[in-house]
Amino acid sequence: MNVKFSIYFTNHLDKKIKIDNKIVDADDDGVLEVEETKLFNTFTFTVNDVYFDSAIVSDLVERIEVKYQLDDEEIVSDFYVVDSIEYLLNNNIKVYCKSKTVEYSYKYSGNKNELIQASSLKVLLSKLLVNTTLNYTNLTDILFLFDYEIKDKSVEEVIEELHNITLFDYYYEKGILYFEDKRSIKEDDVSVQRFTSLKDILEFNTSTNKDDKKINKIFINTKNQETIFAEPIITLDLKDSPQPCSPDAVVMFEDEEKTYKVSPVNAYYIVYYSPTTQLPNINMNCESGDRILIENYQLEKDYFVRLAGGIKELIAVEGVENYHYEPNYNFLTFDLVEAGELKITYKTTVLHGNIQHQKYPTEMNITIQHFDQLLEHTHKIAMNGYYPIPYDFTLNLVSDWGLDYYQAIEGEVKISKYDADNIPNFLESKTVSLFGELEFSITSYGTYRFDKDGAEPLFLEYYINKKRFSLHEAKQ
């Protein structure tokens, strides 16, 4: 793609000057980035031999213009105000710019305390964001029953609060502030009506006219009908789940049929994520490492696929000839709409770890955060094939015994245990709770009997490899 661009600066004398040849590198600061985020765009660059009067900083006048043209398309201009400047070595100045809609942030407008009369969400947005071109064609309007009260919040914080409630998306692009219903990428989507700065970035090069000419880069995000925008993603693969209870060491035992062995059972988990430029935060002990994955897809007029993890190295692609990807992200895009079988082998970075065995049932909450994404999972360790002793057992008289609620909570339950001669020996009597539950401690394997006035006896066979209720007498 052929790209032409120029950068202009309107100084304190209201004189507009072209500064293409003043753009220089200073360590890693010679990169210009146009980023669409929240209510405003950000744009940062480093220049040499350009005077910035301190009075223009934060004056909310659009002094920076980035003018660019893609191929033979129309020339586009983006405008920015100078938010702050930083003086570097060798007379270099780093300039931090934002679109004018930064005026709605706390830095410029402070916090508000007011009651806004608004009949709906769209009316509220128009009253909050005055003197701004809004586009909420793709936003579902929400009617308000009461006026909207702002208590000690900036406009930016109010928009963020509304976003958290309604889950709409918003971004500033080419002089227009867009509000849209949140959408996710689906297999049958042709395009995604959502903008982020994570994908489809066009990269252009230029150079200075100084003796030590250096290559600089400008990143411009573009939107069109066939553009895919990546969002941070997290996937948790956990086996086994639920994790069965298991002994601390290998246990050998025999019954009438055969010899059994029960071993400790650990669970193993892998966290796939994209982009891989930053490690997710996780509340579990884990390690980071590379994995080679093979994924298969059946394409049906698709021009992209979304992989489990960010691509660190693409090893093999079968089924598609012309494809593209951005390192560290999980999208593979095609030049043409494709159909048929696709096989992809690639290397990605993952988090992985073990969940140690437990003898007794328990639960643990797993929380993983990656950029603005949050994954929460409750991992259960449950009795399944191994039954420990001693064990505090809870008997539910409604679900386990089949009694109705009122019959369950009346009177007491007598507990007996069969001895080696198949004679039930009385252990204790216990009162049922108002929840219809009876708690007692099992200290040895065997068959237990529960008796209650007006009900058939209930039998529980509790052994190292078996837990079974029955209304028929079970022999030792």
Protein backbone atom coordinates (compact mmCIF):
# COMPACT_ATOMS: atom_id res chain seq x y z
CA MET A 1 0.00 0.00 0.00
CA ASN A 2 1.36 3.42 -0.99
CA VAL A 3 1.11 6.05 1.73
CA LYS A 4 1.88 9.77 1.76
CA PHE A 5 1.73 11.85 4.91
CA SER A 6 2.75 15.19 6.42
CA ILE A 7 2.68 16.66 9.92
CA TYR A 8 1.91 20.33 10.60
CA PHE A 9 2.30 22.44 13.73
CA THR A 10 0.47 25.70 14.46
CA ASN A 11 2.73 27.62 16.85
CA HIS A 12 2.05 30.36 19.42
CA LEU A 13 2.13 33.00 16.64
CA ASP A 14 -0.68 31.13 14.86
CA LYS A 15 1.74 30.21 12.10
CA LYS A 16 1.29 26.80 10.53
CA ILE A 17 4.55 25.04 9.70
CA LYS A 18 5.35 21.65 8.23
CA ILE A 19 7.61 19.63 10.57
CA ASP A 20 8.10 16.34 8.66
CA ASN A 21 11.87 16.83 8.54
CA LYS A 22 12.05 17.80 12.21
CA ILE A 23 10.85 14.43 13.42
CA VAL A 24 13.77 12.51 14.94
CA ASP A 25 14.54 9.45 17.04
CA ALA A 26 15.53 9.75 20.67
CA ASP A 27 16.12 6.23 21.94
CA ASP A 28 12.69 4.61 21.50
CA ASP A 29 10.87 7.91 21.30
CA GLY A 30 11.02 8.40 17.53
CA VAL A 31 7.77 6.54 17.01
CA LEU A 32 4.52 8.33 16.26
CA GLU A 33 1.40 6.51 17.36
CA VAL A 34 -2.18 7.38 16.53
CA GLU A 35 -4.24 5.46 19.06
CA GLU A 36 -8.00 5.42 19.33
CA THR A 37 -9.02 5.03 22.94
CA LYS A 38 -11.83 6.22 25.15
CA LEU A 39 -13.13 9.71 24.43
CA PHE A 40 -9.99 10.92 22.68
CA ASN A 41 -7.10 9.89 20.45
CA THR A 42 -3.51 10.04 21.61
CA PHE A 43 -0.52 10.98 19.49
CA THR A 44 3.09 11.16 20.71
CA PHE A 45 6.21 12.19 18.79
CA THR A 46 9.70 13.62 19.26
CA VAL A 47 11.04 16.61 17.32
CA ASN A 48 14.28 18.55 17.11
CA ASP A 49 14.77 22.27 16.42
CA VAL A 50 11.11 23.22 16.88
CA TYR A 51 10.11 25.84 19.47
CA PHE A 52 7.10 25.08 21.69
CA ASP A 53 5.96 28.03 23.76
CA SER A 54 4.83 26.82 27.19
CA ALA A 55 1.65 28.91 26.86
CA ILE A 56 0.27 26.59 24.17
CA VAL A 57 0.46 23.50 26.36
CA SER A 58 -3.04 22.45 27.48
CA ASP A 59 -4.73 25.42 25.77
CA LEU A 60 -7.09 23.00 23.93
CA VAL A 61 -6.31 24.55 20.54
CA GLU A 62 -5.87 22.02 17.73
CA ARG A 63 -2.25 22.72 16.84
CA ILE A 64 -1.09 19.37 15.44
CA GLU A 65 -2.41 18.07 12.13
CA VAL A 66 -1.51 14.68 10.68
CA LYS A 67 -2.47 14.64 7.01
CA TYR A 68 -2.23 11.34 5.16
CA GLN A 69 -3.36 9.58 2.00
CA LEU A 70 -3.66 5.83 1.42
CA ASP A 71 -3.06 4.88 -2.20
CA ASP A 72 -5.32 7.12 -4.30
CA GLU A 73 -7.99 7.57 -1.65
CA GLU A 74 -8.99 10.97 -0.35
CA ILE A 75 -6.59 12.88 1.89
CA VAL A 76 -7.48 12.55 5.56
CA SER A 77 -6.53 14.87 8.43
CA ASP A 78 -6.48 14.16 12.15
CA PHE A 79 -6.15 17.06 14.60
CA TYR A 80 -4.70 17.14 18.11
CA VAL A 81 -4.09 19.53 20.98
CA VAL A 82 -0.75 19.65 22.82
CA ASP A 83 -1.39 18.02 26.17
CA SER A 84 2.19 18.16 27.54
CA ILE A 85 5.82 18.33 26.46
CA GLU A 86 9.01 16.74 27.78
CA TYR A 87 12.52 18.13 27.21
CA LEU A 88 15.03 15.45 26.24
CA LEU A 89 18.74 15.38 25.43
CA ASN A 90 20.23 17.00 22.31
CA ASN A 91 17.47 19.63 22.10
CA ASN A 92 14.85 17.01 21.43
CA ILE A 93 11.32 17.60 22.64
CA LYS A 94 8.76 14.87 23.18
CA VAL A 95 5.24 16.09 22.47
CA TYR A 96 2.20 14.38 23.95
CA CYS A 97 -0.96 15.16 21.99
CA LYS A 98 -4.62 14.26 22.34
CA SER A 99 -7.74 15.02 20.36
CA LYS A 100 -9.74 17.99 21.58
CA THR A 101 -12.26 15.74 23.30
CA VAL A 102 -9.70 15.39 26.08
CA GLU A 103 -11.48 18.46 27.44
CA TYR A 104 -13.96 16.06 29.05
CA SER A 105 -11.26 14.55 31.29
CA TYR A 106 -10.69 15.60 34.88
CA LYS A 107 -7.47 17.41 33.93
CA TYR A 108 -9.41 20.01 31.97
CA SER A 109 -12.96 20.03 33.28
CA GLY A 110 -12.55 18.79 36.84
CA ASN A 111 -15.37 16.95 38.59
CA LYS A 112 -19.01 17.89 38.26
CA ASN A 113 -21.93 17.83 40.64
CA GLU A 114 -25.16 18.38 38.80
CA LEU A 115 -28.55 16.95 37.91
CA ILE A 116 -29.08 16.49 34.17
CA GLN A 117 -32.60 16.22 32.78
CA ALA A 118 -32.45 13.51 30.15
CA SER A 119 -35.21 11.26 28.90
CA SER A 120 -32.84 8.63 27.48
CA LEU A 121 -29.21 7.55 27.13
CA LYS A 122 -28.71 9.33 23.81
CA VAL A 123 -30.11 12.59 25.19
CA LEU A 124 -27.79 12.32 28.18
CA LEU A 125 -24.74 11.78 25.94
CA SER A 126 -25.60 14.82 23.83
CA LYS A 127 -25.89 16.98 26.96
CA LEU A 128 -22.66 15.66 28.44
CA LEU A 129 -20.59 15.97 25.25
CA VAL A 130 -21.49 19.43 23.96
CA ASN A 131 -19.76 20.94 20.89
CA THR A 132 -18.82 17.43 19.74
CA THR A 133 -20.08 15.53 16.72
CA LEU A 134 -21.65 12.32 18.01
CA ASN A 135 -22.61 9.20 16.10
CA TYR A 136 -24.78 6.72 17.97
CA THR A 137 -26.55 5.17 15.00
CA ASN A 138 -25.52 1.71 16.20
CA LEU A 139 -26.36 2.37 19.86
CA THR A 140 -29.52 1.01 21.46
CA ASP A 141 -31.23 3.87 23.27
CA ILE A 142 -32.27 3.34 26.90
CA LEU A 143 -35.14 5.31 28.41
CA PHE A 144 -34.62 6.95 31.81
CA LEU A 145 -37.33 7.14 34.45
CA PHE A 146 -35.43 9.75 36.49
CA ASP A 147 -32.96 12.55 35.91
CA TYR A 148 -29.28 11.58 35.88
CA GLU A 149 -27.30 12.84 38.88
CA ILE A 150 -23.54 13.34 38.69
CA LYS A 151 -21.76 13.27 42.03
CA ASP A 152 -18.14 14.43 42.02
CA LYS A 153 -17.21 12.87 38.67
CA SER A 154 -15.61 14.11 35.48
CA VAL A 155 -17.50 13.64 32.22
CA GLU A 156 -15.00 10.92 31.29
CA GLU A 157 -15.82 9.05 34.50
CA VAL A 158 -19.55 9.37 33.84
CA ILE A 159 -19.13 7.86 30.36
CA GLU A 160 -17.05 5.05 31.83
CA GLU A 161 -19.74 4.43 34.46
CA LEU A 162 -22.43 4.26 31.77
CA HIS A 163 -20.21 1.91 29.77
CA ASN A 164 -19.92 -0.43 32.75
CA ILE A 165 -23.70 -0.50 33.07
CA THR A 166 -24.76 -0.79 29.42
CA LEU A 167 -21.57 -2.34 27.94
CA PHE A 168 -21.56 0.01 24.96
CA ASP A 169 -18.28 0.82 23.17
CA TYR A 170 -17.02 4.29 22.31
CA TYR A 171 -14.13 5.73 20.33
CA TYR A 172 -13.09 8.95 18.63
CA GLU A 173 -12.28 8.85 14.94
CA LYS A 174 -11.74 11.63 12.37
CA GLY A 175 -13.59 14.28 14.33
CA ILE A 176 -16.52 12.08 15.37
CA LEU A 177 -17.17 10.43 18.73
CA TYR A 178 -18.82 7.05 18.12
CA PHE A 179 -21.02 5.10 20.54
CA GLU A 180 -21.97 1.55 19.57
CA ASP A 181 -23.46 -1.54 21.14
CA LYS A 182 -20.77 -4.00 22.22
CA ARG A 183 -20.25 -6.81 19.74
CA SER A 184 -18.01 -9.83 19.67
CA ILE A 185 -16.41 -11.51 16.67
CA LYS A 186 -18.44 -14.44 15.42
CA GLU A 187 -17.71 -16.94 12.70
CA ASP A 188 -20.31 -15.46 10.35
CA ASP A 189 -19.26 -11.83 10.86
CA VAL A 190 -18.06 -10.01 7.77
CA SER A 191 -16.75 -7.09 9.79
CA VAL A 192 -16.73 -5.97 13.38
CA GLN A 193 -18.26 -2.63 14.28
CA ARG A 194 -15.79 -2.03 17.05
CA PHE A 195 -12.53 -0.14 17.09
CA THR A 196 -9.40 -0.89 19.07
CA SER A 197 -5.79 -0.07 18.40
CA LEU A 198 -4.60 -3.66 18.53
CA LYS A 199 -4.92 -4.82 14.95
CA ASP A 200 -4.64 -3.79 11.29
CA ILE A 201 -2.06 -1.09 11.88
CA LEU A 202 -0.52 0.33 8.74
CA GLU A 203 3.17 1.09 9.06
CA PHE A 204 4.95 3.79 7.07
CA ASN A 205 8.54 5.02 6.97
CA THR A 206 10.11 8.41 6.48
CA SER A 207 13.49 9.94 7.32
CA THR A 208 14.98 13.20 8.55
CA ASN A 209 17.18 15.50 6.53
CA LYS A 210 19.88 15.50 9.17
CA ASP A 211 23.34 14.09 8.55
CA ASP A 212 22.54 11.00 10.62
CA LYS A 213 19.27 10.22 8.90
CA LYS A 214 17.12 7.88 10.93
CA ILE A 215 14.06 5.91 10.04
CA ASN A 216 10.86 6.93 11.82
CA LYS A 217 7.48 5.25 11.84
CA ILE A 218 3.93 6.47 11.89
CA PHE A 219 1.06 4.16 12.79
CA ILE A 220 -2.38 5.03 11.47
CA ASN A 221 -5.40 2.93 12.32
CA THR A 222 -7.89 2.51 9.51
CA LYS A 223 -11.44 1.18 9.34
CA ASN A 224 -13.16 -0.34 6.35
CA GLN A 225 -15.71 -3.02 5.64
CA GLU A 226 -13.16 -5.82 5.78
CA THR A 227 -11.16 -4.77 8.84
CA ILE A 228 -10.73 -7.02 11.86
CA PHE A 229 -9.92 -5.51 15.25
CA ALA A 230 -8.37 -7.70 17.89
CA GLU A 231 -9.37 -7.56 21.52
CA PRO A 232 -7.48 -9.02 24.47
CA ILE A 233 -8.59 -12.60 25.11
CA ILE A 234 -8.01 -15.25 27.79
CA THR A 235 -8.71 -18.98 27.58
CA LEU A 236 -8.32 -21.40 30.50
CA ASP A 237 -7.79 -25.09 29.73
CA LEU A 238 -8.00 -27.09 32.98
CA LYS A 239 -7.88 -30.90 33.27
CA ASP A 240 -9.32 -32.61 35.24
CA SER A 241 -12.25 -30.44 36.23
CA PRO A 242 -13.79 -31.26 38.57
CA GLN A 243 -10.65 -32.77 40.03
CA PRO A 244 -11.31 -36.02 41.94
CA CYS A 245 -10.27 -36.36 45.55
CA SER A 246 -7.26 -38.64 45.89
CA PRO A 247 -4.95 -39.98 48.62
CA ASP A 248 -1.63 -38.41 49.61
CA ALA A 249 0.22 -41.51 48.38
CA VAL A 250 -0.56 -44.56 46.27
CA VAL A 251 -3.09 -46.79 48.02
CA MET A 252 -3.53 -50.52 47.20
CA PHE A 253 -6.69 -52.38 48.28
CA GLU A 254 -8.64 -55.50 47.36
CA ASP A 255 -12.26 -56.53 47.21
CA GLU A 256 -13.88 -59.83 46.20
CA GLU A 257 -13.17 -59.21 42.50
CA LYS A 258 -9.71 -57.69 42.10
CA THR A 259 -6.92 -55.52 43.43
CA TYR A 260 -7.25 -51.74 43.05
CA LYS A 261 -4.72 -48.93 43.06
CA VAL A 262 -5.58 -45.30 43.76
CA SER A 263 -2.90 -42.67 43.06
CA PRO A 264 -2.71 -38.94 43.84
CA VAL A 265 -4.43 -36.97 41.07
CA ASN A 266 -3.19 -33.48 40.24
CA ALA A 267 -4.97 -31.12 37.86
CA TYR A 268 -3.03 -29.32 35.12
CA TYR A 269 -3.97 -25.99 33.59
CA ILE A 270 -2.84 -23.86 30.65
CA VAL A 271 -3.76 -20.21 30.08
CA TYR A 272 -3.73 -19.07 26.45
CA TYR A 273 -3.84 -15.32 25.91
CA SER A 274 -3.52 -12.58 23.33
CA PRO A 275 -1.72 -10.27 22.93
CA THR A 276 1.36 -11.91 24.42
CA THR A 277 3.12 -8.56 24.85
CA GLN A 278 2.12 -8.63 28.52
CA LEU A 279 1.69 -11.47 31.02
CA PRO A 280 -1.80 -11.89 32.49
CA ASN A 281 -2.26 -11.54 36.25
CA ILE A 282 -3.34 -14.80 37.89
CA ASN A 283 -3.90 -15.71 41.53
CA MET A 284 -2.30 -19.15 41.12
CA ASN A 285 1.26 -20.40 41.17
CA CYS A 286 2.30 -20.75 37.54
CA GLU A 287 5.13 -20.65 35.04
CA SER A 288 5.45 -19.00 31.65
CA GLY A 289 6.63 -21.01 28.67
CA ASP A 290 6.19 -21.68 24.97
CA ARG A 291 3.85 -24.25 23.45
CA ILE A 292 3.42 -25.43 19.87
CA LEU A 293 -0.26 -25.68 18.95
CA ILE A 294 -1.98 -27.26 15.96
CA GLU A 295 -5.45 -25.91 15.21
CA ASN A 296 -7.88 -27.04 12.51
CA TYR A 297 -10.71 -25.03 10.97
CA GLN A 298 -13.43 -25.59 8.40
CA LEU A 299 -13.64 -22.31 6.48
CA GLU A 300 -16.91 -21.20 4.95
CA LYS A 301 -16.38 -17.91 3.11
CA ASP A 302 -14.11 -16.60 5.86
CA TYR A 303 -11.31 -14.08 5.61
CA PHE A 304 -9.86 -14.57 9.10
CA VAL A 305 -9.56 -17.05 11.95
CA ARG A 306 -9.01 -16.35 15.62
CA LEU A 307 -6.53 -18.68 17.32
CA ALA A 308 -6.33 -19.65 20.97
CA GLY A 309 -3.07 -17.79 21.63
CA GLY A 310 -1.00 -14.98 20.22
CA ILE A 311 1.31 -16.02 17.39
CA LYS A 312 4.95 -15.98 18.48
CA GLU A 313 6.13 -18.02 15.48
CA LEU A 314 4.07 -19.30 12.56
CA ILE A 315 5.38 -22.77 11.72
CA ALA A 316 3.02 -24.09 9.04
CA VAL A 317 -0.22 -23.17 7.29
CA GLU A 318 -2.10 -25.64 5.08
CA GLY A 319 -5.19 -24.71 3.08
CA VAL A 320 -4.57 -21.00 2.50
CA GLU A 321 -1.82 -19.45 0.40
CA ASN A 322 -1.90 -15.70 1.11
CA TYR A 323 -2.23 -14.83 4.78
CA HIS A 324 -1.04 -12.22 7.25
CA TYR A 325 -0.67 -11.92 11.00
CA GLU A 326 0.56 -9.46 13.59
CA PRO A 327 3.16 -11.01 15.94
CA ASN A 328 1.87 -11.53 19.49
CA TYR A 329 -1.80 -11.42 18.40
CA ASN A 330 -4.17 -14.30 17.70
CA PHE A 331 -5.58 -13.37 14.28
CA LEU A 332 -4.61 -14.86 10.92
CA THR A 333 -6.16 -12.90 8.03
CA PHE A 334 -6.44 -13.85 4.36
CA ASP A 335 -6.18 -11.77 1.19
CA LEU A 336 -9.27 -13.47 -0.21
CA VAL A 337 -12.41 -15.00 1.23
CA GLU A 338 -11.50 -18.65 1.78
CA ALA A 339 -13.39 -21.94 2.07
CA GLY A 340 -12.28 -25.47 2.90
CA GLU A 341 -10.05 -27.06 5.52
CA LEU A 342 -7.36 -25.01 7.24
CA LYS A 343 -4.56 -26.37 9.47
CA ILE A 344 -2.29 -24.03 11.41
CA THR A 345 0.79 -24.90 13.45
CA TYR A 346 2.26 -22.09 15.53
CA LYS A 347 4.22 -21.31 18.66
CA THR A 348 2.66 -19.25 21.41
CA THR A 349 3.48 -18.25 24.99
CA VAL A 350 1.28 -19.63 27.76
CA LEU A 351 0.99 -19.74 31.53
CA HIS A 352 0.82 -23.23 33.02
CA GLY A 353 0.73 -24.88 36.40
CA ASN A 354 -0.47 -27.75 38.61
CA ILE A 355 -3.23 -27.88 41.20
CA GLN A 356 -2.13 -30.34 43.85
CA HIS A 357 -4.30 -33.24 44.93
CA GLN A 358 -6.61 -33.02 47.94
CA LYS A 359 -8.05 -35.84 50.04
CA TYR A 360 -11.22 -33.91 50.83
CA PRO A 361 -13.71 -31.89 48.73
CA THR A 362 -12.94 -28.22 48.37
CA GLU A 363 -13.31 -25.27 45.98
CA MET A 364 -10.86 -22.63 44.82
CA ASN A 365 -11.53 -19.46 42.86
CA ILE A 366 -9.23 -18.83 39.89
CA THR A 367 -9.00 -15.22 38.70
CA ILE A 368 -7.11 -14.20 35.57
CA GLN A 369 -6.89 -10.64 34.26
CA HIS A 370 -5.42 -9.58 30.91
CA PHE A 371 -5.68 -5.90 29.98
CA ASP A 372 -9.44 -5.18 30.37
CA GLN A 373 -10.48 -8.83 30.30
CA LEU A 374 -11.36 -10.77 33.46
CA LEU A 375 -11.82 -14.54 33.64
CA GLU A 376 -13.18 -16.09 36.84
CA HIS A 377 -13.53 -19.83 37.35
CA THR A 378 -14.41 -21.93 40.40
CA HIS A 379 -12.35 -25.11 40.40
CA LYS A 380 -13.90 -27.96 42.36
CA ILE A 381 -12.20 -30.95 43.93
CA ALA A 382 -14.96 -33.49 44.47
CA MET A 383 -15.28 -37.04 45.69
CA ASN A 384 -15.39 -39.32 42.65
CA GLY A 385 -13.87 -42.78 42.89
CA TYR A 386 -11.96 -42.13 46.12
CA TYR A 387 -13.62 -41.64 49.52
CA PRO A 388 -11.42 -40.65 52.46
CA ILE A 389 -11.63 -41.25 56.19
CA PRO A 390 -12.15 -39.67 58.57
CA TYR A 391 -14.82 -37.67 56.81
CA ASP A 392 -17.53 -35.30 58.06
CA PHE A 393 -20.51 -36.48 56.05
CA THR A 394 -23.73 -34.53 55.39
CA LEU A 395 -26.86 -36.59 54.73
CA ASN A 396 -29.75 -34.78 53.01
CA LEU A 397 -32.93 -36.54 54.05
CA VAL A 398 -34.90 -35.09 51.12
CA SER A 399 -32.55 -35.82 48.19
CA ASP A 400 -30.62 -38.81 49.61
CA TRP A 401 -33.44 -40.53 51.50
CA GLY A 402 -36.46 -39.38 49.49
CA LEU A 403 -38.44 -37.99 52.44
CA ASP A 404 -40.61 -34.90 52.15
CA TYR A 405 -39.44 -31.78 53.93
CA TYR A 406 -41.78 -31.91 56.92
CA GLN A 407 -41.14 -35.61 57.51
CA ALA A 408 -37.40 -34.97 57.22
CA ILE A 409 -37.15 -32.34 59.97
CA GLU A 410 -39.32 -34.13 62.54
CA GLY A 411 -37.80 -36.36 65.22
CA GLU A 412 -34.36 -37.91 65.39
CA VAL A 413 -32.31 -40.26 63.24
CA LYS A 414 -30.61 -43.32 64.72
CA ILE A 415 -27.24 -44.23 63.16
CA SER A 416 -25.84 -47.79 63.26
CA LYS A 417 -22.91 -49.56 61.61
CA TYR A 418 -22.70 -53.21 60.58
CA ASP A 419 -19.92 -55.26 62.11
CA ALA A 420 -18.06 -58.21 60.55
CA ASP A 421 -20.97 -60.52 61.41
CA ASN A 422 -23.47 -58.29 59.56
CA ILE A 423 -25.03 -57.13 62.83
CA PRO A 424 -25.92 -53.42 63.04
CA ASN A 425 -24.40 -51.78 66.12
CA PHE A 426 -26.00 -48.56 67.33
CA LEU A 427 -23.65 -45.55 67.22
CA GLU A 428 -25.68 -42.43 68.06
CA SER A 429 -28.91 -40.48 67.56
CA LYS A 430 -28.84 -37.06 65.90
CA THR A 431 -31.33 -34.27 65.27
CA VAL A 432 -31.91 -33.08 61.71
CA SER A 433 -31.38 -29.39 60.93
CA LEU A 434 -34.14 -27.12 59.59
CA PHE A 435 -32.54 -27.59 56.17
CA GLY A 436 -33.31 -31.31 56.29
CA GLU A 437 -29.63 -32.19 56.75
CA LEU A 438 -27.85 -34.44 59.20
CA GLU A 439 -24.13 -34.21 59.81
CA PHE A 440 -22.04 -37.04 61.25
CA SER A 441 -18.45 -38.21 61.19
CA ILE A 442 -17.40 -41.35 59.34
CA THR A 443 -14.29 -42.77 60.99
CA SER A 444 -14.08 -46.18 59.31
CA TYR A 445 -15.19 -47.89 56.12
CA GLY A 446 -18.25 -50.10 56.11
CA THR A 447 -22.04 -50.11 55.79
CA TYR A 448 -24.09 -47.62 57.81
CA ARG A 449 -27.82 -47.75 58.61
CA PHE A 450 -30.14 -44.80 59.31
CA ASP A 451 -33.49 -45.34 61.07
CA LYS A 452 -36.29 -42.80 61.48
CA ASP A 453 -39.87 -43.26 62.70
CA GLY A 454 -42.29 -43.53 59.80
CA ALA A 455 -39.59 -44.10 57.16
CA GLU A 456 -37.91 -47.12 55.63
CA PRO A 457 -34.30 -47.63 56.77
CA LEU A 458 -31.62 -46.05 54.61
CA PHE A 459 -28.29 -47.79 54.01
CA LEU A 460 -24.98 -46.21 53.05
CA GLU A 461 -22.09 -48.26 51.71
CA TYR A 462 -18.96 -46.17 52.32
CA TYR A 463 -15.68 -47.71 51.22
CA ILE A 464 -12.41 -46.40 49.81
CA ASN A 465 -13.77 -46.74 46.25
CA LYS A 466 -17.55 -46.62 46.78
CA LYS A 467 -20.26 -44.37 48.23
CA ARG A 468 -23.79 -45.65 47.58
CA PHE A 469 -27.20 -45.10 49.18
CA SER A 470 -29.87 -47.82 49.12
CA LEU A 471 -33.23 -48.63 50.68
CA HIS A 472 -32.30 -52.31 50.61
CA GLU A 473 -30.22 -53.87 53.36
CA ALA A 474 -26.58 -54.14 52.29
CA LYS A 475 -24.42 -56.87 53.72
CA GLN A 476 -20.81 -56.48 54.84
